[in-house]
Protein backbone atom coordinates (compact mmCIF):
# COMPACT_ATOMS: atom_id res chain seq x y z
CA UNK A 1 29.49 -9.10 -16.10
CA UNK A 2 27.40 -10.03 -19.34
CA UNK A 3 25.10 -12.51 -17.33
CA UNK A 4 24.32 -9.50 -14.52
CA UNK A 5 23.70 -7.22 -17.12
CA UNK A 6 21.14 -9.32 -18.93
CA UNK A 7 19.36 -9.78 -15.20
CA UNK A 8 18.95 -6.16 -14.28
CA UNK A 9 17.70 -5.69 -18.05
CA UNK A 10 15.36 -8.14 -17.56
CA UNK A 11 14.17 -6.84 -14.39
CA UNK A 12 13.69 -3.07 -15.45
CA UNK A 13 11.82 -4.28 -18.83
CA UNK A 14 9.21 -5.79 -16.05
CA UNK A 15 8.92 -2.93 -13.92
CA UNK A 16 7.33 -1.40 -17.35
CA UNK A 17 4.70 -3.55 -18.54
CA UNK A 18 1.76 -2.58 -18.59
CA UNK A 19 -0.95 -3.11 -16.33
CA UNK A 20 -3.63 -5.34 -16.29
CA UNK A 21 -7.49 -3.53 -17.16
CA UNK A 22 -9.74 -4.14 -14.26
CA UNK A 23 -6.97 -5.33 -12.17
CA UNK A 24 -8.05 -4.42 -8.43
CA UNK A 25 -5.94 -2.75 -6.00
CA UNK A 26 -4.22 -4.77 -2.80
CA UNK A 27 -2.68 -2.79 0.02
CA UNK A 28 -2.36 -4.75 3.30
CA UNK A 29 -1.68 -3.85 6.64
CA UNK A 30 1.36 -5.95 6.58
CA UNK A 31 3.22 -8.67 4.37
CA UNK A 32 5.48 -11.29 5.33
CA UNK A 33 7.48 -12.55 2.44
CA UNK A 34 10.73 -15.72 1.88
CA UNK A 35 11.99 -17.54 -0.81
CA UNK A 36 15.38 -18.07 -2.94
CA UNK A 37 18.62 -15.07 -2.62
CA UNK A 38 21.07 -15.44 -4.46
CA UNK A 39 23.85 -12.54 -4.97
CA UNK A 40 26.07 -13.02 -8.01
CA UNK A 41 29.78 -11.31 -7.36
CA UNK A 42 30.34 -8.03 -9.74
CA UNK A 43 34.15 -8.00 -9.46
CA UNK A 44 34.49 -11.99 -8.70
CA UNK A 45 36.57 -12.03 -11.92
CA UNK A 46 39.25 -9.61 -10.46
CA UNK A 47 39.49 -9.78 -6.61
CA UNK A 48 36.99 -11.90 -5.28
CA UNK A 49 38.04 -14.95 -4.02
CA UNK A 50 34.56 -16.75 -3.98
CA UNK A 51 31.82 -18.05 -6.84
CA UNK A 52 28.20 -16.66 -6.32
CA UNK A 53 26.26 -16.44 -2.85
CA UNK A 54 23.37 -18.84 -2.69
CA UNK A 55 20.97 -19.46 0.30
CA UNK A 56 17.48 -17.53 1.20
CA UNK A 57 15.82 -14.45 2.44
CA UNK A 58 12.71 -13.99 5.36
CA UNK A 59 11.33 -10.04 5.16
CA UNK A 60 8.72 -8.11 6.56
CA UNK A 61 6.90 -5.35 4.49
CA UNK A 62 5.03 -2.37 6.45
CA UNK A 63 2.99 0.10 3.62
CA UNK A 64 3.40 3.30 5.74
CA UNK A 65 1.55 5.73 3.02
CA UNK A 66 -0.23 5.12 -0.28
CA UNK A 67 2.88 4.89 -2.62
CA UNK A 68 5.33 4.06 0.23
CA UNK A 69 6.81 0.75 1.77
CA UNK A 70 9.27 0.12 4.51
CA UNK A 71 10.27 -3.91 3.96
CA UNK A 72 12.94 -5.16 6.90
CA UNK A 73 14.56 -8.65 5.82
CA UNK A 74 17.09 -11.05 7.16
CA UNK A 75 19.05 -13.65 4.91
CA UNK A 76 21.75 -16.21 4.42
CA UNK A 77 24.22 -16.88 1.49
CA UNK A 78 27.23 -19.04 1.22
CA UNK A 79 29.51 -18.75 -1.20
CA UNK A 80 31.30 -21.28 -3.47
CA UNK A 81 34.75 -22.10 -3.64
CA UNK A 82 36.85 -20.00 -6.24
CA UNK A 83 40.29 -20.71 -4.90
CA UNK A 84 40.98 -24.17 -5.43
CA UNK A 85 44.32 -23.77 -3.73
CA UNK A 86 42.04 -23.04 -0.39
CA UNK A 87 38.88 -24.93 0.02
CA UNK A 88 36.30 -22.61 0.75
CA UNK A 89 33.73 -22.03 3.75
CA UNK A 90 32.39 -18.70 3.54
CA UNK A 91 29.01 -17.92 5.07
CA UNK A 92 27.07 -14.49 4.84
CA UNK A 93 24.25 -13.76 7.36
CA UNK A 94 22.64 -10.26 7.75
CA UNK A 95 19.81 -8.05 7.88
CA UNK A 96 18.85 -4.89 6.26
CA UNK A 97 16.06 -2.23 5.90
CA UNK A 98 14.66 -0.56 2.69
CA UNK A 99 12.29 2.11 1.36
CA UNK A 100 10.14 0.94 -1.46
CA UNK A 101 8.42 3.90 -3.76
CA UNK A 102 5.63 1.53 -5.01
CA UNK A 103 4.24 3.03 -8.37
CA UNK A 104 0.71 1.53 -8.72
CA UNK A 105 -0.80 -0.89 -5.81
CA UNK A 106 -2.39 -3.00 -8.80
CA UNK A 107 -3.31 -7.00 -7.87
CA UNK A 108 -1.40 -8.56 -10.19
CA UNK A 109 1.58 -6.60 -11.03
CA UNK A 110 2.86 -3.79 -8.29
CA UNK A 111 6.48 -2.12 -9.31
CA UNK A 112 8.35 -0.46 -7.54
CA UNK A 113 12.48 0.86 -6.99
CA UNK A 114 14.08 1.08 -3.51
CA UNK A 115 16.51 1.86 -1.61
CA UNK A 116 18.15 0.78 1.84
CA UNK A 117 20.88 -0.49 3.61
CA UNK A 118 22.11 -3.20 6.26
CA UNK A 119 24.58 -5.14 8.26
CA UNK A 120 26.46 -8.52 7.30
CA UNK A 121 28.58 -11.08 9.24
CA UNK A 122 31.08 -12.76 6.90
CA UNK A 123 32.77 -15.86 8.63
CA UNK A 124 35.18 -18.10 7.03
CA UNK A 125 36.01 -20.76 9.63
CA UNK A 126 38.86 -22.77 7.56
CA UNK A 127 40.09 -19.40 6.69
CA UNK A 128 44.33 -19.07 8.32
CA UNK A 129 43.65 -16.36 9.56
CA UNK A 130 40.16 -17.00 10.42
CA UNK A 131 37.62 -14.12 8.44
CA UNK A 132 34.72 -13.08 11.39
CA UNK A 133 33.96 -9.65 9.93
CA UNK A 134 31.16 -7.17 9.93
CA UNK A 135 30.12 -5.03 7.65
CA UNK A 136 28.00 -2.33 6.55
CA UNK A 137 26.18 -2.08 2.93
CA UNK A 138 24.20 0.09 1.00
CA UNK A 139 21.70 -1.17 -1.68
CA UNK A 140 19.40 0.19 -4.77
CA UNK A 141 16.92 -1.47 -7.04
CA UNK A 142 13.81 -2.49 -8.29
CA UNK A 143 11.12 -5.21 -7.92
CA UNK A 144 7.60 -6.15 -8.09
CA UNK A 145 4.74 -8.10 -6.35
CA UNK A 146 1.77 -9.50 -7.36
CA UNK A 147 -1.24 -11.67 -6.17
CA UNK A 148 -2.62 -14.01 -9.45
CA UNK A 149 -4.65 -15.65 -6.87
CA UNK A 150 -8.05 -13.50 -6.80
CA UNK A 151 -8.26 -14.75 -3.65
CA UNK A 152 -4.88 -12.78 -2.70
CA UNK A 153 -4.01 -15.16 0.19
CA UNK A 154 -0.53 -15.82 -1.27
CA UNK A 155 1.41 -13.81 -4.26
CA UNK A 156 4.74 -13.40 -6.11
CA UNK A 157 7.57 -11.48 -4.96
CA UNK A 158 10.70 -10.53 -7.06
CA UNK A 159 13.83 -8.16 -6.54
CA UNK A 160 16.90 -7.40 -8.36
CA UNK A 161 19.55 -5.49 -6.02
CA UNK A 162 22.95 -3.78 -6.84
CA UNK A 163 24.59 -3.75 -3.36
CA UNK A 164 27.90 -2.12 -2.14
CA UNK A 165 29.89 -3.76 0.54
CA UNK A 166 32.37 -2.12 3.00
CA UNK A 167 35.01 -4.95 3.93
CA UNK A 168 38.28 -3.89 5.18
CA UNK A 169 38.80 -7.44 7.52
CA UNK A 170 38.00 -9.57 3.94
CA UNK A 171 40.38 -7.43 2.33
CA UNK A 172 42.98 -7.32 4.83
CA UNK A 173 42.95 -11.15 4.78
CA UNK A 174 43.23 -11.26 1.53
CA UNK A 175 40.16 -12.76 0.08
CA UNK A 176 39.08 -9.65 -1.82
CA UNK A 177 41.31 -7.44 -3.71
CA UNK A 178 39.55 -4.17 -2.92
CA UNK A 179 37.99 -1.73 0.36
CA UNK A 180 34.41 -3.01 -1.34
CA UNK A 181 32.64 -6.22 -2.77
CA UNK A 182 30.03 -5.00 -5.31
CA UNK A 183 26.82 -7.63 -5.89
CA UNK A 184 23.78 -7.88 -7.78
CA UNK A 185 21.45 -9.53 -4.95
CA UNK A 186 18.31 -11.46 -6.87
CA UNK A 187 15.60 -12.31 -4.76
CA UNK A 188 11.81 -14.41 -5.80
CA UNK A 189 9.61 -16.08 -3.61
CA UNK A 190 6.19 -16.15 -1.95
CA UNK A 191 4.55 -13.13 0.16
CA UNK A 192 1.72 -13.33 2.30
CA UNK A 193 -0.41 -10.42 2.89
CA UNK A 194 -2.60 -9.61 5.91
CA UNK A 195 -4.53 -7.58 7.47
CA UNK A 196 -7.47 -7.63 4.66
CA UNK A 197 -10.32 -7.29 6.66
CA UNK A 198 -13.22 -9.95 6.98
CA UNK A 199 -16.10 -9.28 4.48
CA UNK A 200 -18.85 -7.41 6.20
CA UNK A 201 -22.25 -8.03 5.78
CA UNK A 202 -23.15 -6.12 2.80
CA UNK A 203 -26.09 -3.60 3.62
CA UNK A 204 -28.55 -1.90 0.55
CA UNK A 205 -27.58 1.17 -0.66
CA UNK A 206 -30.19 3.72 0.86
CA UNK A 207 -31.90 6.09 -1.60
CA UNK A 208 -33.49 9.18 -0.49
CA UNK A 209 -36.73 8.35 1.49
CA UNK A 210 -39.49 10.35 1.32
CA UNK A 211 -41.33 11.12 4.76
CA UNK A 212 -44.63 9.20 5.49
CA UNK A 213 -47.75 10.83 4.81
CA UNK A 214 -48.80 12.62 8.41
CA UNK A 215 -52.33 10.83 9.74
CA UNK A 216 -55.55 12.29 8.76
CA UNK A 217 -56.45 12.81 12.45
CA UNK A 218 -52.98 14.49 13.69
CA UNK A 219 -51.22 17.22 12.56
CA UNK A 220 -47.81 17.07 10.95
CA UNK A 221 -44.81 16.12 13.39
CA UNK A 222 -41.85 18.63 11.84
CA UNK A 223 -39.45 16.44 13.50
CA UNK A 224 -40.60 13.11 11.62
CA UNK A 225 -40.52 15.55 8.67
CA UNK A 226 -36.96 16.84 9.40
CA UNK A 227 -35.13 13.40 9.24
CA UNK A 228 -34.02 13.15 5.43
CA UNK A 229 -31.50 10.71 4.29
CA UNK A 230 -30.01 11.49 0.53
CA UNK A 231 -28.18 9.90 -2.15
CA UNK A 232 -24.86 8.64 -1.15
CA UNK A 233 -22.14 10.91 -3.01
CA UNK A 234 -19.65 7.94 -4.65
CA UNK A 235 -16.10 9.01 -4.71
CA UNK A 236 -13.27 7.66 -7.08
CA UNK A 237 -10.36 5.95 -5.71
CA UNK A 238 -8.33 8.09 -3.57
CA UNK A 239 -9.97 11.16 -4.97
CA UNK A 240 -12.13 13.54 -2.98
CA UNK A 241 -13.41 16.05 -5.89
CA UNK A 242 -17.38 15.48 -6.99
CA UNK A 243 -18.07 13.76 -10.48
CA UNK A 244 -20.96 14.93 -12.71
CA UNK A 245 -23.18 12.22 -11.17
CA UNK A 246 -22.38 13.17 -7.66
CA UNK A 247 -22.94 16.43 -8.71
CA UNK A 248 -26.42 16.61 -10.18
CA UNK A 249 -27.46 13.84 -6.58
CA UNK A 250 -26.42 16.85 -4.67
CA UNK A 251 -28.23 19.42 -6.91
CA UNK A 252 -31.46 17.33 -5.80
CA UNK A 253 -30.57 17.44 -2.09
CA UNK A 254 -30.10 21.44 -1.95
CA UNK A 255 -33.18 21.96 -3.73
CA UNK A 256 -35.00 20.05 -0.51
CA UNK A 257 -32.59 21.19 2.02
CA UNK A 258 -33.66 24.82 1.12
CA UNK A 259 -36.80 24.11 1.33
CA UNK A 260 -36.71 22.16 4.67
CA UNK A 261 -34.57 25.06 5.93
CA UNK A 262 -37.79 27.09 5.31
CA UNK A 263 -40.05 24.66 7.31
CA UNK A 264 -37.47 24.13 10.18
CA UNK A 265 -35.34 27.24 11.56
CA UNK A 266 -33.23 24.63 13.15
CA UNK A 267 -32.07 22.22 10.61
CA UNK A 268 -28.87 21.15 10.60
CA UNK A 269 -27.00 19.18 7.76
CA UNK A 270 -24.95 16.16 8.33
CA UNK A 271 -22.33 15.15 6.38
CA UNK A 272 -20.35 12.25 6.73
CA UNK A 273 -16.91 10.97 4.91
CA UNK A 274 -16.08 7.60 4.15
CA UNK A 275 -13.48 5.21 2.58
CA UNK A 276 -12.62 2.18 1.71
CA UNK A 277 -9.88 0.05 3.76
CA UNK A 278 -6.96 0.59 1.24
CA UNK A 279 -4.68 2.72 2.99
CA UNK A 280 -3.68 3.18 6.82
CA UNK A 281 -6.10 4.24 8.96
CA UNK A 282 -4.51 7.96 9.54
CA UNK A 283 -4.72 8.45 5.74
CA UNK A 284 -8.15 7.62 5.29
CA UNK A 285 -9.06 9.25 8.55
CA UNK A 286 -7.71 12.67 6.43
CA UNK A 287 -9.39 11.10 3.19
CA UNK A 288 -13.04 11.06 4.77
CA UNK A 289 -12.65 14.60 5.93
CA UNK A 290 -11.71 15.86 2.52
CA UNK A 291 -14.76 14.15 1.13
CA UNK A 292 -17.00 15.45 3.59
CA UNK A 293 -15.65 19.13 3.42
CA UNK A 294 -15.71 19.36 -0.79
CA UNK A 295 -19.39 17.98 -0.28
CA UNK A 296 -20.15 20.89 2.13
CA UNK A 297 -18.16 23.44 0.08
CA UNK A 298 -20.76 22.27 -3.24
CA UNK A 299 -23.68 22.51 -0.60
CA UNK A 300 -22.69 26.17 0.70
CA UNK A 301 -22.05 27.27 -3.27
CA UNK A 302 -25.34 26.60 -3.91
CA UNK A 303 -27.18 28.11 -1.39
CA UNK A 304 -27.31 26.18 1.65
CA UNK A 305 -25.96 27.83 5.17
CA UNK A 306 -22.68 26.89 6.22
CA UNK A 307 -23.38 27.20 9.75
CA UNK A 308 -26.02 24.54 9.34
CA UNK A 309 -23.67 21.90 8.04
CA UNK A 310 -21.50 19.58 10.22
CA UNK A 311 -19.40 17.24 8.33
CA UNK A 312 -17.41 13.99 10.06
CA UNK A 313 -15.27 11.88 9.41
CA UNK A 314 -14.98 7.99 9.71
CA UNK A 315 -12.47 6.67 7.27
CA UNK A 316 -12.45 3.18 6.22
CA UNK A 317 -14.00 2.38 10.00
CA UNK A 318 -17.92 2.00 8.27
CA UNK A 319 -17.99 -0.07 4.95
CA UNK A 320 -21.67 -0.39 3.79
CA UNK A 321 -20.09 -2.91 1.29
CA UNK A 322 -17.48 -6.15 1.20
CA UNK A 323 -13.75 -4.54 1.03
CA UNK A 324 -13.40 -7.70 -0.83
CA UNK A 325 -14.57 -7.12 -4.10
CA UNK A 326 -14.20 -3.37 -6.66
CA UNK A 327 -18.14 -2.64 -6.43
CA UNK A 328 -17.74 -3.59 -2.81
CA UNK A 329 -14.87 -0.98 -1.82
CA UNK A 330 -16.65 1.21 -5.25
CA UNK A 331 -19.90 1.70 -2.25
CA UNK A 332 -17.82 2.61 0.70
CA UNK A 333 -15.89 5.37 -0.87
CA UNK A 334 -18.76 7.87 -0.32
CA UNK A 335 -20.25 10.38 1.67
CA UNK A 336 -23.23 10.74 3.89
CA UNK A 337 -25.65 13.79 3.84
CA UNK A 338 -28.76 13.78 5.78
CA UNK A 339 -31.21 16.44 7.50
CA UNK A 340 -32.32 16.43 11.68
CA UNK A 341 -34.18 19.34 13.05
CA UNK A 342 -31.73 20.43 15.76
CA UNK A 343 -34.16 21.83 17.93
């Protein structure tokens, strides 16, 4: 029991470590993990006729929200002999599903707490009578993932969980002395992320461009003058509020928009919201909409008619820079503002 407490204290201490400064966020579409699994029998000294279980696990994790993952895994444990009078061939195979509540998507240290459950099949072929028991269990614990390589092609995963297993058949046949078994299950292995987008060709940031001067011998073309693209409004990660700089950029745009509105009665203002690739498609679609609506509300407060403004969200579908770097993701967290003649 003292050894088990030591493992749990160490795992809890790891989950409270400060996040590395300037580390990037990582949120793949899904992950595949595999590694070593060790079941420490909490009740071994009292009523368990076996040593610890040792084996392996494989798992698939899916981020379903900004701070929530669902992980499905399968495992195998072989238990050693703790009863010299009867040699033991105890094998356990199981599958489980867990909900992991993620504190941070930090690339170097992404801690979480989790709860879940599953089913296990315990077989002792050389027992008399033979044991072939299918049982259900619940678990709760904590862990973390880390991608120390900047390319994030592979990472590390560690997980510690307390497991409660119903064990009527094992109890009835004398292998455990209670209706349930209690274990601390430790897992350590490698995790491979999938769904990280290929780096798109970076497009230059488009600055506000003044309309070309009219030809000396021709009248001014209103449709050309009405077409404007303003400085992109940039946002912080997972935010839709405006920074001081963004408000200043919009103030400059408002002045031009109001001047154009006087000249072109049918002027339209287009506001398109965008995100980086971190998060699900649905979440990013909504985040892009919130960013576009924030810009629209600010323009209206500054005097632009709400009837002139059209908003749209492209989510993560139209990056202007590489999502593989922090700098590129910053450029992709944006709202684009432009004007057109609505005739």
